[in-house]
Amino acid sequence: MALSVDWGKLRETIYGLREGDIVEIHFCDASKNRRVKRLDNKVVACYKKVVAEFYSIVPDTAYGVEHMLLFDLTEGEVDRPTVWSIPVPSIIAVLIITGQPTKETSDIGSVYLGGNKLKIVTREDGLGERIGE
């Protein structure tokens, strides 16, 4: 049985997220399969899931496709966070786990990243450079 996605409600949830919300994002990713014996859903769909801190939704400068930017909760340093970039059209489910985090570190020492850590940079600003804090 195929699952049904309420695209209107999903869109409302995505655009209702606030910076700092801890979210679980389910999305479809590209895949490459070798030695395929039959074309079933395991070949067609590659489902991914990430739990992270929501930062923003920004369009790419080449095609204008919106991407959801998330801070990874377990990798990276506070001044150089690991950032997930997921194309919004590939998102199939969003679960808001908590509102904005208030502690600097978790009980196991993983860094919680707050907002305003990065500024979205364009090619003119210098890709890959950290701007502001």
Foldseek 3Di string as FASTA:
>chain_A
DDDDFPVVVQVVVVVPADFQFWKKWKFWDDDDDPPDPDDDVVHVTDIDIATFTWADWFADPPPGFIWTKTFHQADDDQLGTDIDTHGPVGTRDMDGDGGHDDDQADPVGTGHHGYPSADDDDVVRPPPDGDGD
